[in-house]
Amino acid sequence: MKRTPQEPTSNFWGYARNYLHDYLPNVRAMAPRSIESYRISLENYVNYLVTEQHVHRQDISFDHFERQFLKSWLAWMQQAKKYQPATIGLRLSAVKAFLRFASAEDLTMVAVYQAAKNIKAPAQPRKPIEYLQENETTAVLAAFDGKDLKSRRNRMLLILLYDSGARVGEIPRLTLDDLKLEKPAHLTLTGKGAKSRTVPLRENG
């Protein structure tokens, strides 16, 4: 829904600053690398508006986030920039998340977000999941024979990763309180956005 010239537009740059420097790190508790990904996606869209739509940076407003602009941006990323579908999907998701934040802060932004959230990124081809065969897993574990403290530590970390399905970045966050050995043995993992989940551990893991 296009605003009339008499209607004030929300301050895009102010919202972007609050989103990247306050909301994502303090409310969502996102890691710096994740926040940087959001920043790059927003900057990519801004650069598109400047170079392809010939909008001056200081004039960018939420009027430039309406459906026709976003769909043209997707086509530009796919056809002109030759981005992979996964990259396009990541960029679009980041912009949608920003618009969702803006709509929660300003009711006049709800219509813009509602129109944007239904836009679909190009379909991504499904890739087969690669995994280690049993003999390959055995070979990896055999590289640490457990004859010294460091070798035993590394072997146990590999077993823990294999048994729990934890992400590599979740293991360094573990504390003694996260490990429960009494039946049923389980592990509490904390991942992205400080979200926790509990996974069972095998008795003979």
N, C-alpha and C. Protein backbone atom coordinates (compact mmCIF):
# COMPACT_ATOMS: atom_id res chain seq x y z
N MET A 1 0.85 -1.19 0.00
CA MET A 1 0.00 0.00 0.00
C MET A 1 0.88 1.23 0.00
N LYS A 2 0.78 2.05 -1.03
CA LYS A 2 1.62 3.23 -1.17
C LYS A 2 1.10 4.36 -0.30
N ARG A 3 1.99 5.01 0.43
CA ARG A 3 1.59 6.16 1.22
C ARG A 3 1.46 7.39 0.33
N THR A 4 0.62 8.31 0.73
CA THR A 4 0.51 9.57 0.01
C THR A 4 1.68 10.45 0.42
N PRO A 5 2.05 11.44 -0.39
CA PRO A 5 3.19 12.30 -0.05
C PRO A 5 3.01 13.03 1.28
N GLN A 6 1.74 13.20 1.73
CA GLN A 6 1.52 13.92 2.97
C GLN A 6 1.78 13.05 4.19
N GLU A 7 1.78 11.73 4.00
CA GLU A 7 1.96 10.84 5.13
C GLU A 7 3.44 10.69 5.46
N PRO A 8 3.80 10.78 6.75
CA PRO A 8 5.21 10.60 7.11
C PRO A 8 5.61 9.14 6.96
N THR A 9 6.85 8.90 6.56
CA THR A 9 7.36 7.54 6.47
C THR A 9 8.27 7.27 7.65
N SER A 10 8.27 6.03 8.11
CA SER A 10 9.13 5.67 9.23
C SER A 10 10.59 5.83 8.82
N ASN A 11 11.42 6.12 9.79
CA ASN A 11 12.83 6.35 9.55
C ASN A 11 13.54 5.01 9.33
N PHE A 12 13.77 4.65 8.07
CA PHE A 12 14.41 3.38 7.77
C PHE A 12 15.77 3.26 8.43
N TRP A 13 16.60 4.29 8.31
CA TRP A 13 17.96 4.21 8.84
C TRP A 13 17.96 4.10 10.36
N GLY A 14 17.02 4.77 11.02
CA GLY A 14 16.93 4.65 12.48
C GLY A 14 16.53 3.25 12.90
N TYR A 15 15.56 2.67 12.18
CA TYR A 15 15.15 1.31 12.48
C TYR A 15 16.27 0.31 12.21
N ALA A 16 16.99 0.53 11.11
CA ALA A 16 18.09 -0.38 10.78
C ALA A 16 19.17 -0.34 11.86
N ARG A 17 19.47 0.85 12.35
CA ARG A 17 20.47 0.98 13.42
C ARG A 17 20.01 0.26 14.69
N ASN A 18 18.76 0.48 15.08
CA ASN A 18 18.25 -0.17 16.29
C ASN A 18 18.20 -1.68 16.14
N TYR A 19 17.86 -2.12 14.94
CA TYR A 19 17.75 -3.56 14.67
C TYR A 19 19.11 -4.25 14.79
N LEU A 20 20.12 -3.65 14.16
CA LEU A 20 21.44 -4.29 14.13
C LEU A 20 22.23 -4.10 15.41
N HIS A 21 22.06 -2.96 16.07
CA HIS A 21 22.91 -2.63 17.22
C HIS A 21 22.24 -2.85 18.58
N ASP A 22 20.93 -3.06 18.58
CA ASP A 22 20.25 -3.26 19.85
C ASP A 22 19.42 -4.55 19.85
N TYR A 23 18.47 -4.65 18.91
CA TYR A 23 17.54 -5.78 18.93
C TYR A 23 18.24 -7.12 18.74
N LEU A 24 19.04 -7.24 17.68
CA LEU A 24 19.67 -8.54 17.41
C LEU A 24 20.67 -8.96 18.49
N PRO A 25 21.57 -8.06 18.93
CA PRO A 25 22.54 -8.51 19.95
C PRO A 25 21.95 -8.61 21.35
N ASN A 26 21.02 -7.73 21.72
CA ASN A 26 20.55 -7.68 23.11
C ASN A 26 19.25 -8.43 23.35
N VAL A 27 18.31 -8.34 22.41
CA VAL A 27 17.02 -9.01 22.59
C VAL A 27 17.09 -10.44 22.06
N ARG A 28 17.61 -10.61 20.85
CA ARG A 28 17.72 -11.94 20.26
C ARG A 28 18.98 -12.68 20.69
N ALA A 29 19.92 -11.97 21.29
CA ALA A 29 21.18 -12.57 21.76
C ALA A 29 21.91 -13.30 20.64
N MET A 30 21.95 -12.69 19.47
CA MET A 30 22.61 -13.31 18.32
C MET A 30 24.12 -13.11 18.39
N ALA A 31 24.82 -14.06 17.81
CA ALA A 31 26.28 -13.98 17.74
C ALA A 31 26.68 -12.91 16.72
N PRO A 32 27.85 -12.29 16.91
CA PRO A 32 28.31 -11.25 15.98
C PRO A 32 28.32 -11.71 14.53
N ARG A 33 28.69 -12.96 14.28
CA ARG A 33 28.74 -13.44 12.89
C ARG A 33 27.35 -13.47 12.28
N SER A 34 26.34 -13.85 13.06
CA SER A 34 24.97 -13.87 12.55
C SER A 34 24.47 -12.46 12.28
N ILE A 35 24.79 -11.54 13.18
CA ILE A 35 24.39 -10.14 12.99
C ILE A 35 25.04 -9.58 11.73
N GLU A 36 26.29 -9.93 11.50
CA GLU A 36 26.98 -9.46 10.30
C GLU A 36 26.29 -9.97 9.04
N SER A 37 25.77 -11.18 9.07
CA SER A 37 25.05 -11.72 7.93
C SER A 37 23.80 -10.90 7.64
N TYR A 38 23.08 -10.50 8.69
CA TYR A 38 21.90 -9.65 8.51
C TYR A 38 22.30 -8.29 7.95
N ARG A 39 23.40 -7.75 8.46
CA ARG A 39 23.85 -6.44 7.98
C ARG A 39 24.20 -6.50 6.50
N ILE A 40 24.90 -7.55 6.09
CA ILE A 40 25.29 -7.70 4.69
C ILE A 40 24.06 -7.80 3.80
N SER A 41 23.04 -8.52 4.26
CA SER A 41 21.82 -8.67 3.46
C SER A 41 21.10 -7.33 3.29
N LEU A 42 20.99 -6.57 4.37
CA LEU A 42 20.35 -5.25 4.27
C LEU A 42 21.17 -4.32 3.37
N GLU A 43 22.48 -4.39 3.50
CA GLU A 43 23.34 -3.55 2.68
C GLU A 43 23.23 -3.95 1.21
N ASN A 44 23.06 -5.24 0.95
CA ASN A 44 22.88 -5.70 -0.42
C ASN A 44 21.62 -5.10 -1.03
N TYR A 45 20.55 -5.05 -0.24
CA TYR A 45 19.30 -4.48 -0.76
C TYR A 45 19.44 -2.97 -0.96
N VAL A 46 20.10 -2.31 -0.03
CA VAL A 46 20.34 -0.87 -0.18
C VAL A 46 21.15 -0.59 -1.44
N ASN A 47 22.19 -1.37 -1.68
CA ASN A 47 23.01 -1.17 -2.88
C ASN A 47 22.20 -1.39 -4.15
N TYR A 48 21.28 -2.36 -4.10
CA TYR A 48 20.40 -2.58 -5.25
C TYR A 48 19.54 -1.35 -5.52
N LEU A 49 18.96 -0.79 -4.46
CA LEU A 49 18.12 0.40 -4.64
C LEU A 49 18.93 1.56 -5.22
N VAL A 50 20.16 1.71 -4.77
CA VAL A 50 21.00 2.82 -5.22
C VAL A 50 21.44 2.63 -6.67
N THR A 51 21.92 1.43 -6.99
CA THR A 51 22.52 1.21 -8.31
C THR A 51 21.50 0.90 -9.39
N GLU A 52 20.44 0.18 -9.03
CA GLU A 52 19.48 -0.26 -10.05
C GLU A 52 18.21 0.58 -10.08
N GLN A 53 17.77 1.05 -8.93
CA GLN A 53 16.56 1.88 -8.87
C GLN A 53 16.88 3.37 -8.79
N HIS A 54 18.17 3.69 -8.69
CA HIS A 54 18.65 5.08 -8.69
C HIS A 54 18.02 5.90 -7.56
N VAL A 55 17.96 5.28 -6.39
CA VAL A 55 17.47 5.97 -5.20
C VAL A 55 18.67 6.45 -4.40
N HIS A 56 18.69 7.70 -4.01
CA HIS A 56 19.77 8.20 -3.17
C HIS A 56 19.68 7.54 -1.79
N ARG A 57 20.84 7.19 -1.24
CA ARG A 57 20.85 6.48 0.05
C ARG A 57 20.07 7.24 1.11
N GLN A 58 20.23 8.55 1.16
CA GLN A 58 19.55 9.32 2.21
C GLN A 58 18.04 9.38 2.01
N ASP A 59 17.58 9.02 0.81
CA ASP A 59 16.15 9.07 0.52
C ASP A 59 15.45 7.72 0.70
N ILE A 60 16.20 6.68 1.03
CA ILE A 60 15.59 5.36 1.17
C ILE A 60 14.63 5.35 2.36
N SER A 61 13.43 4.85 2.11
CA SER A 61 12.41 4.74 3.15
C SER A 61 11.74 3.39 3.03
N PHE A 62 10.79 3.13 3.89
CA PHE A 62 10.09 1.85 3.83
C PHE A 62 9.18 1.75 2.61
N ASP A 63 8.92 2.85 1.93
CA ASP A 63 8.19 2.78 0.66
C ASP A 63 8.97 1.96 -0.36
N HIS A 64 10.29 1.91 -0.20
CA HIS A 64 11.14 1.16 -1.13
C HIS A 64 11.23 -0.32 -0.77
N PHE A 65 10.46 -0.75 0.23
CA PHE A 65 10.44 -2.16 0.61
C PHE A 65 9.13 -2.82 0.20
N GLU A 66 8.40 -2.16 -0.66
CA GLU A 66 7.14 -2.75 -1.09
C GLU A 66 7.40 -3.87 -2.09
N ARG A 67 6.36 -4.63 -2.33
CA ARG A 67 6.47 -5.91 -3.03
C ARG A 67 7.18 -5.81 -4.38
N GLN A 68 6.86 -4.79 -5.17
CA GLN A 68 7.45 -4.72 -6.51
C GLN A 68 8.96 -4.51 -6.46
N PHE A 69 9.43 -3.77 -5.45
CA PHE A 69 10.87 -3.57 -5.30
C PHE A 69 11.55 -4.88 -4.90
N LEU A 70 10.95 -5.58 -3.96
CA LEU A 70 11.56 -6.81 -3.47
C LEU A 70 11.61 -7.88 -4.56
N LYS A 71 10.56 -7.99 -5.36
CA LYS A 71 10.57 -8.99 -6.43
C LYS A 71 11.59 -8.64 -7.50
N SER A 72 11.75 -7.36 -7.79
CA SER A 72 12.77 -6.94 -8.75
C SER A 72 14.17 -7.22 -8.20
N TRP A 73 14.32 -7.06 -6.90
CA TRP A 73 15.61 -7.35 -6.25
C TRP A 73 15.96 -8.83 -6.39
N LEU A 74 14.97 -9.70 -6.17
CA LEU A 74 15.21 -11.14 -6.32
C LEU A 74 15.65 -11.47 -7.74
N ALA A 75 14.98 -10.89 -8.72
CA ALA A 75 15.34 -11.14 -10.12
C ALA A 75 16.75 -10.64 -10.41
N TRP A 76 17.11 -9.49 -9.85
CA TRP A 76 18.45 -8.93 -10.04
C TRP A 76 19.52 -9.85 -9.45
N MET A 77 19.27 -10.36 -8.24
CA MET A 77 20.25 -11.26 -7.62
C MET A 77 20.41 -12.54 -8.44
N GLN A 78 19.30 -13.03 -8.98
CA GLN A 78 19.34 -14.29 -9.71
C GLN A 78 19.92 -14.13 -11.10
N GLN A 79 19.53 -13.09 -11.81
CA GLN A 79 19.89 -12.95 -13.22
C GLN A 79 21.17 -12.13 -13.42
N ALA A 80 21.28 -11.00 -12.73
CA ALA A 80 22.43 -10.13 -12.94
C ALA A 80 23.63 -10.55 -12.09
N LYS A 81 23.37 -10.88 -10.83
CA LYS A 81 24.46 -11.22 -9.92
C LYS A 81 24.80 -12.71 -9.90
N LYS A 82 23.90 -13.53 -10.45
CA LYS A 82 24.12 -14.98 -10.52
C LYS A 82 24.32 -15.61 -9.14
N TYR A 83 23.58 -15.11 -8.16
CA TYR A 83 23.67 -15.70 -6.82
C TYR A 83 23.02 -17.09 -6.83
N GLN A 84 23.53 -17.94 -5.97
CA GLN A 84 22.95 -19.25 -5.78
C GLN A 84 21.61 -19.12 -5.04
N PRO A 85 20.67 -20.05 -5.27
CA PRO A 85 19.37 -19.98 -4.58
C PRO A 85 19.50 -19.87 -3.07
N ALA A 86 20.48 -20.56 -2.48
CA ALA A 86 20.65 -20.50 -1.03
C ALA A 86 21.00 -19.09 -0.57
N THR A 87 21.84 -18.41 -1.34
CA THR A 87 22.23 -17.04 -0.99
C THR A 87 21.04 -16.09 -1.12
N ILE A 88 20.27 -16.26 -2.19
CA ILE A 88 19.08 -15.42 -2.38
C ILE A 88 18.09 -15.64 -1.25
N GLY A 89 17.89 -16.89 -0.88
CA GLY A 89 16.99 -17.19 0.23
C GLY A 89 17.44 -16.57 1.53
N LEU A 90 18.75 -16.60 1.78
CA LEU A 90 19.30 -16.00 2.99
C LEU A 90 19.09 -14.49 3.01
N ARG A 91 19.36 -13.84 1.87
CA ARG A 91 19.18 -12.39 1.79
C ARG A 91 17.71 -12.00 2.01
N LEU A 92 16.81 -12.73 1.35
CA LEU A 92 15.39 -12.41 1.47
C LEU A 92 14.89 -12.64 2.89
N SER A 93 15.32 -13.73 3.51
CA SER A 93 14.89 -14.02 4.89
C SER A 93 15.34 -12.93 5.84
N ALA A 94 16.54 -12.40 5.63
CA ALA A 94 17.05 -11.35 6.50
C ALA A 94 16.23 -10.07 6.37
N VAL A 95 15.86 -9.72 5.14
CA VAL A 95 15.06 -8.51 4.92
C VAL A 95 13.66 -8.70 5.50
N LYS A 96 13.09 -9.89 5.34
CA LYS A 96 11.77 -10.16 5.92
C LYS A 96 11.81 -10.05 7.44
N ALA A 97 12.87 -10.57 8.05
CA ALA A 97 13.00 -10.49 9.50
C ALA A 97 13.08 -9.04 9.96
N PHE A 98 13.79 -8.23 9.21
CA PHE A 98 13.89 -6.80 9.53
C PHE A 98 12.52 -6.13 9.43
N LEU A 99 11.77 -6.45 8.39
CA LEU A 99 10.44 -5.86 8.23
C LEU A 99 9.49 -6.34 9.32
N ARG A 100 9.64 -7.58 9.76
CA ARG A 100 8.82 -8.07 10.88
C ARG A 100 9.12 -7.27 12.14
N PHE A 101 10.39 -7.00 12.38
CA PHE A 101 10.78 -6.16 13.52
C PHE A 101 10.16 -4.77 13.40
N ALA A 102 10.25 -4.17 12.22
CA ALA A 102 9.72 -2.82 12.02
C ALA A 102 8.21 -2.79 12.21
N SER A 103 7.52 -3.84 11.75
CA SER A 103 6.06 -3.87 11.88
C SER A 103 5.63 -4.02 13.33
N ALA A 104 6.47 -4.66 14.15
CA ALA A 104 6.16 -4.78 15.57
C ALA A 104 6.36 -3.45 16.29
N GLU A 105 7.24 -2.62 15.75
CA GLU A 105 7.51 -1.32 16.35
C GLU A 105 6.55 -0.24 15.86
N ASP A 106 6.05 -0.39 14.63
CA ASP A 106 5.23 0.65 14.00
C ASP A 106 4.09 -0.02 13.23
N LEU A 107 2.86 0.21 13.66
CA LEU A 107 1.71 -0.44 13.04
C LEU A 107 1.54 -0.06 11.57
N THR A 108 2.05 1.10 11.18
CA THR A 108 1.92 1.49 9.77
C THR A 108 2.77 0.60 8.86
N MET A 109 3.67 -0.20 9.46
CA MET A 109 4.53 -1.07 8.68
C MET A 109 3.96 -2.47 8.49
N VAL A 110 2.84 -2.77 9.14
CA VAL A 110 2.29 -4.12 9.09
C VAL A 110 1.95 -4.53 7.66
N ALA A 111 1.33 -3.63 6.89
CA ALA A 111 0.94 -3.97 5.52
C ALA A 111 2.16 -4.26 4.65
N VAL A 112 3.24 -3.52 4.86
CA VAL A 112 4.46 -3.74 4.08
C VAL A 112 5.04 -5.12 4.41
N TYR A 113 5.06 -5.46 5.69
CA TYR A 113 5.60 -6.77 6.09
C TYR A 113 4.70 -7.90 5.59
N GLN A 114 3.39 -7.74 5.71
CA GLN A 114 2.48 -8.79 5.26
C GLN A 114 2.64 -9.07 3.78
N ALA A 115 2.85 -8.03 2.98
CA ALA A 115 3.05 -8.23 1.54
C ALA A 115 4.39 -8.90 1.26
N ALA A 116 5.40 -8.55 2.05
CA ALA A 116 6.74 -9.09 1.80
C ALA A 116 6.88 -10.54 2.24
N LYS A 117 6.20 -10.92 3.31
CA LYS A 117 6.45 -12.25 3.87
C LYS A 117 5.97 -13.38 2.97
N ASN A 118 5.09 -13.06 2.01
CA ASN A 118 4.59 -14.10 1.10
C ASN A 118 5.44 -14.26 -0.15
N ILE A 119 6.47 -13.44 -0.30
CA ILE A 119 7.36 -13.56 -1.45
C ILE A 119 8.27 -14.77 -1.25
N LYS A 120 8.37 -15.59 -2.26
CA LYS A 120 9.17 -16.81 -2.17
C LYS A 120 10.50 -16.64 -2.90
N ALA A 121 11.54 -17.17 -2.30
CA ALA A 121 12.84 -17.21 -2.96
C ALA A 121 12.87 -18.38 -3.94
N PRO A 122 13.80 -18.37 -4.90
CA PRO A 122 13.91 -19.51 -5.82
C PRO A 122 14.13 -20.81 -5.06
N ALA A 123 13.54 -21.87 -5.58
CA ALA A 123 13.67 -23.18 -4.92
C ALA A 123 15.13 -23.63 -4.95
N GLN A 124 15.55 -24.24 -3.86
CA GLN A 124 16.91 -24.74 -3.76
C GLN A 124 16.94 -26.23 -4.11
N PRO A 125 17.88 -26.63 -4.96
CA PRO A 125 17.99 -28.06 -5.26
C PRO A 125 18.40 -28.83 -4.01
N ARG A 126 17.78 -29.96 -3.82
CA ARG A 126 18.10 -30.78 -2.65
C ARG A 126 19.41 -31.53 -2.87
N LYS A 127 20.30 -31.41 -1.91
CA LYS A 127 21.56 -32.13 -1.98
C LYS A 127 21.52 -33.32 -1.02
N PRO A 128 22.07 -34.45 -1.45
CA PRO A 128 22.10 -35.59 -0.53
C PRO A 128 22.97 -35.27 0.69
N ILE A 129 22.52 -35.74 1.84
CA ILE A 129 23.27 -35.51 3.07
C ILE A 129 24.48 -36.44 3.10
N GLU A 130 25.64 -35.85 3.28
CA GLU A 130 26.87 -36.64 3.36
C GLU A 130 27.15 -37.01 4.81
N TYR A 131 27.58 -38.21 5.02
CA TYR A 131 27.89 -38.67 6.37
C TYR A 131 29.00 -39.72 6.31
N LEU A 132 29.62 -39.93 7.46
CA LEU A 132 30.70 -40.91 7.54
C LEU A 132 30.13 -42.32 7.64
N GLN A 133 30.74 -43.23 6.91
CA GLN A 133 30.40 -44.64 7.07
C GLN A 133 30.99 -45.14 8.40
N GLU A 134 30.53 -46.31 8.84
CA GLU A 134 30.96 -46.83 10.14
C GLU A 134 32.48 -47.01 10.18
N ASN A 135 33.06 -47.53 9.10
CA ASN A 135 34.51 -47.74 9.09
C ASN A 135 35.27 -46.42 9.10
N GLU A 136 34.67 -45.37 8.49
CA GLU A 136 35.31 -44.06 8.49
C GLU A 136 35.26 -43.44 9.89
N THR A 137 34.12 -43.61 10.58
CA THR A 137 34.01 -43.11 11.95
C THR A 137 35.02 -43.81 12.85
N THR A 138 35.16 -45.11 12.67
CA THR A 138 36.13 -45.87 13.47
C THR A 138 37.55 -45.37 13.22
N ALA A 139 37.85 -45.05 11.96
CA ALA A 139 39.19 -44.57 11.62
C ALA A 139 39.47 -43.22 12.26
N VAL A 140 38.46 -42.34 12.30
CA VAL A 140 38.64 -41.03 12.93
C VAL A 140 38.92 -41.19 14.42
N LEU A 141 38.14 -42.03 15.09
CA LEU A 141 38.34 -42.25 16.52
C LEU A 141 39.68 -42.91 16.81
N ALA A 142 40.11 -43.78 15.90
CA ALA A 142 41.38 -44.48 16.10
C ALA A 142 42.58 -43.54 16.03
N ALA A 143 42.38 -42.36 15.45
CA ALA A 143 43.48 -41.39 15.38
C ALA A 143 43.87 -40.90 16.76
N PHE A 144 42.98 -41.07 17.74
CA PHE A 144 43.27 -40.68 19.12
C PHE A 144 43.23 -41.94 19.97
N ASP A 145 44.41 -42.44 20.32
CA ASP A 145 44.49 -43.74 20.98
C ASP A 145 44.26 -43.67 22.49
N GLY A 146 44.17 -42.47 23.04
CA GLY A 146 43.90 -42.34 24.47
C GLY A 146 45.08 -42.61 25.37
N LYS A 147 46.29 -42.57 24.82
CA LYS A 147 47.47 -42.88 25.63
C LYS A 147 47.94 -41.70 26.48
N ASP A 148 47.48 -40.51 26.17
CA ASP A 148 47.82 -39.36 27.01
C ASP A 148 46.57 -38.52 27.24
N LEU A 149 46.69 -37.53 28.09
CA LEU A 149 45.52 -36.74 28.50
C LEU A 149 44.88 -36.02 27.31
N LYS A 150 45.71 -35.41 26.46
CA LYS A 150 45.17 -34.67 25.32
C LYS A 150 44.45 -35.60 24.35
N SER A 151 45.02 -36.78 24.12
CA SER A 151 44.41 -37.73 23.21
C SER A 151 43.07 -38.23 23.76
N ARG A 152 43.02 -38.49 25.07
CA ARG A 152 41.76 -38.94 25.69
C ARG A 152 40.70 -37.85 25.61
N ARG A 153 41.14 -36.59 25.83
CA ARG A 153 40.19 -35.48 25.74
C ARG A 153 39.60 -35.37 24.33
N ASN A 154 40.47 -35.41 23.32
CA ASN A 154 40.00 -35.26 21.94
C ASN A 154 39.11 -36.42 21.52
N ARG A 155 39.46 -37.61 21.96
CA ARG A 155 38.64 -38.77 21.64
C ARG A 155 37.25 -38.64 22.26
N MET A 156 37.20 -38.18 23.51
CA MET A 156 35.92 -38.02 24.18
C MET A 156 35.08 -36.93 23.52
N LEU A 157 35.72 -35.85 23.06
CA LEU A 157 34.98 -34.80 22.37
C LEU A 157 34.36 -35.32 21.07
N LEU A 158 35.10 -36.14 20.34
CA LEU A 158 34.57 -36.72 19.10
C LEU A 158 33.40 -37.65 19.39
N ILE A 159 33.54 -38.47 20.43
CA ILE A 159 32.45 -39.38 20.81
C ILE A 159 31.22 -38.58 21.22
N LEU A 160 31.44 -37.50 21.96
CA LEU A 160 30.33 -36.66 22.40
C LEU A 160 29.62 -36.01 21.21
N LEU A 161 30.39 -35.51 20.26
CA LEU A 161 29.80 -34.94 19.04
C LEU A 161 28.98 -35.98 18.29
N TYR A 162 29.55 -37.16 18.15
CA TYR A 162 28.88 -38.23 17.40
C TYR A 162 27.61 -38.70 18.11
N ASP A 163 27.69 -38.84 19.42
CA ASP A 163 26.57 -39.40 20.18
C ASP A 163 25.43 -38.40 20.35
N SER A 164 25.76 -37.12 20.48
CA SER A 164 24.74 -36.12 20.78
C SER A 164 24.21 -35.40 19.54
N GLY A 165 24.97 -35.45 18.44
CA GLY A 165 24.57 -34.68 17.26
C GLY A 165 24.74 -33.19 17.46
N ALA A 166 25.60 -32.80 18.39
CA ALA A 166 25.81 -31.38 18.68
C ALA A 166 26.55 -30.70 17.54
N ARG A 167 26.30 -29.40 17.39
CA ARG A 167 27.10 -28.60 16.48
C ARG A 167 28.45 -28.33 17.12
N VAL A 168 29.45 -28.11 16.28
CA VAL A 168 30.80 -27.88 16.81
C VAL A 168 30.81 -26.68 17.76
N GLY A 169 30.07 -25.63 17.42
CA GLY A 169 30.06 -24.43 18.24
C GLY A 169 29.34 -24.59 19.57
N GLU A 170 28.56 -25.67 19.72
CA GLU A 170 27.83 -25.88 20.98
C GLU A 170 28.69 -26.55 22.05
N ILE A 171 29.68 -27.30 21.63
CA ILE A 171 30.51 -28.04 22.59
C ILE A 171 31.28 -27.11 23.53
N PRO A 172 31.94 -26.03 23.02
CA PRO A 172 32.68 -25.16 23.95
C PRO A 172 31.80 -24.46 24.98
N ARG A 173 30.49 -24.38 24.74
CA ARG A 173 29.59 -23.71 25.68
C ARG A 173 29.15 -24.61 26.83
N LEU A 174 29.48 -25.89 26.75
CA LEU A 174 29.02 -26.83 27.77
C LEU A 174 29.63 -26.54 29.13
N THR A 175 28.83 -26.75 30.17
CA THR A 175 29.31 -26.69 31.55
C THR A 175 29.00 -28.03 32.21
N LEU A 176 29.54 -28.24 33.40
CA LEU A 176 29.28 -29.49 34.12
C LEU A 176 27.79 -29.68 34.40
N ASP A 177 27.09 -28.57 34.61
CA ASP A 177 25.65 -28.66 34.89
C ASP A 177 24.85 -29.14 33.68
N ASP A 178 25.44 -29.03 32.48
CA ASP A 178 24.73 -29.45 31.27
C ASP A 178 24.77 -30.97 31.08
N LEU A 179 25.66 -31.65 31.78
CA LEU A 179 25.83 -33.09 31.62
C LEU A 179 25.21 -33.83 32.81
N LYS A 180 24.26 -34.70 32.52
CA LYS A 180 23.61 -35.50 33.55
C LYS A 180 23.85 -36.98 33.24
N LEU A 181 24.58 -37.66 34.13
CA LEU A 181 24.94 -39.05 33.89
C LEU A 181 23.99 -40.04 34.54
N GLU A 182 23.18 -39.56 35.51
CA GLU A 182 22.21 -40.47 36.10
C GLU A 182 21.12 -40.78 35.08
N LYS A 183 20.52 -41.97 35.20
CA LYS A 183 19.52 -42.40 34.22
C LYS A 183 18.27 -41.53 34.31
N PRO A 184 17.73 -41.15 33.16
CA PRO A 184 18.30 -41.31 31.81
C PRO A 184 19.37 -40.26 31.55
N ALA A 185 20.54 -40.70 31.12
CA ALA A 185 21.64 -39.77 30.86
C ALA A 185 21.28 -38.83 29.71
N HIS A 186 21.58 -37.56 29.88
CA HIS A 186 21.25 -36.60 28.82
C HIS A 186 22.19 -35.40 28.89
N LEU A 187 22.14 -34.61 27.84
CA LEU A 187 23.01 -33.45 27.68
C LEU A 187 22.15 -32.26 27.26
N THR A 188 22.38 -31.11 27.87
CA THR A 188 21.67 -29.89 27.48
C THR A 188 22.59 -29.05 26.62
N LEU A 189 22.17 -28.82 25.38
CA LEU A 189 22.96 -28.05 24.43
C LEU A 189 22.34 -26.68 24.22
N THR A 190 23.17 -25.66 24.13
CA THR A 190 22.70 -24.29 23.88
C THR A 190 23.25 -23.84 22.54
N GLY A 191 22.33 -23.53 21.62
CA GLY A 191 22.74 -23.19 20.26
C GLY A 191 22.49 -21.74 19.92
N LYS A 192 22.16 -21.49 18.66
CA LYS A 192 21.96 -20.14 18.17
C LYS A 192 20.80 -19.47 18.90
N GLY A 193 20.97 -18.17 19.16
CA GLY A 193 19.91 -17.42 19.83
C GLY A 193 19.70 -17.85 21.27
N ALA A 194 20.72 -18.48 21.87
CA ALA A 194 20.65 -18.94 23.26
C ALA A 194 19.52 -19.94 23.48
N LYS A 195 19.13 -20.67 22.42
CA LYS A 195 18.08 -21.68 22.54
C LYS A 195 18.69 -23.00 22.99
N SER A 196 18.04 -23.63 23.97
CA SER A 196 18.55 -24.87 24.54
C SER A 196 17.70 -26.06 24.12
N ARG A 197 18.34 -27.21 24.04
CA ARG A 197 17.63 -28.46 23.78
C ARG A 197 18.31 -29.58 24.54
N THR A 198 17.56 -30.61 24.87
CA THR A 198 18.09 -31.73 25.62
C THR A 198 18.16 -32.96 24.72
N VAL A 199 19.31 -33.63 24.73
CA VAL A 199 19.48 -34.82 23.90
C VAL A 199 19.89 -35.99 24.80
N PRO A 200 19.38 -37.18 24.53
CA PRO A 200 19.75 -38.35 25.34
C PRO A 200 21.15 -38.85 24.98
N LEU A 201 21.78 -39.51 25.92
CA LEU A 201 23.09 -40.12 25.70
C LEU A 201 22.96 -41.63 25.88
N ARG A 202 23.63 -42.37 25.01
CA ARG A 202 23.59 -43.83 25.12
C ARG A 202 24.36 -44.28 26.35
N GLU A 203 23.89 -45.34 26.97
CA GLU A 203 24.55 -45.84 28.18
C GLU A 203 25.96 -46.32 27.89
N ASN A 204 26.17 -46.89 26.69
CA ASN A 204 27.50 -47.40 26.34
C ASN A 204 28.15 -46.53 25.29
N GLY A 205 27.80 -45.16 25.26
CA GLY A 205 28.30 -44.27 24.24
C GLY A 205 29.79 -44.05 24.33
